């Protein structure tokens, strides 16, 4: 779905720990995903999503985590590194200003909302229901946004000494051809 709304300059990186899942997505499941893994804008990285996030310094517009059933290392204890304060700081550092960390959970987790805020994110907790004849199970998606730099934290450009000269700067949040969302899946 993301590929349909993103432009030709978009880059999507999917990080998957289990090579068999990548092979399955490229093979028997390719038709169900619209062969999205064959799209030249998509890069597949077989590896640890924690390492990928730590390496992505201010290069991501979005990080989507659908790794465990919630913000705990359920499938693998090492996944706790995604959801603790250090891991959230790494995600914050990987995002550009205005970028979003989205975390899916099968259950509410009030202390995780507080931890996202403590890490520096503007946080929205969205309750949703899975599709089904009776509404389905209740889930939660956290949308944690990295704030834009404020005037108090940003140095101002030096004033021009010559009359009539001005400095043109890209407005915060303007699209860039090099922005790169990271979609992360890391299940055993």
Foldseek 3Di string as FASTA:
>chain_A
DVVVPDDPLEAEEEEEQDVVVVVCCCPPVCVVVVVVCPDPRYHYHHHDVLVVLLVQFQQAQEEEDPADQFQAQPQHNVSVCCQALNNLLSNLRNHHAFGKYKYKHLDDDVVSQVSLVVSQWDKDKDWAFDDDPVRHGIIIMIITGHHDDDPVRDDDDDDDPDPPDDDDDDDPPDDDSRHYHYYYYYHD
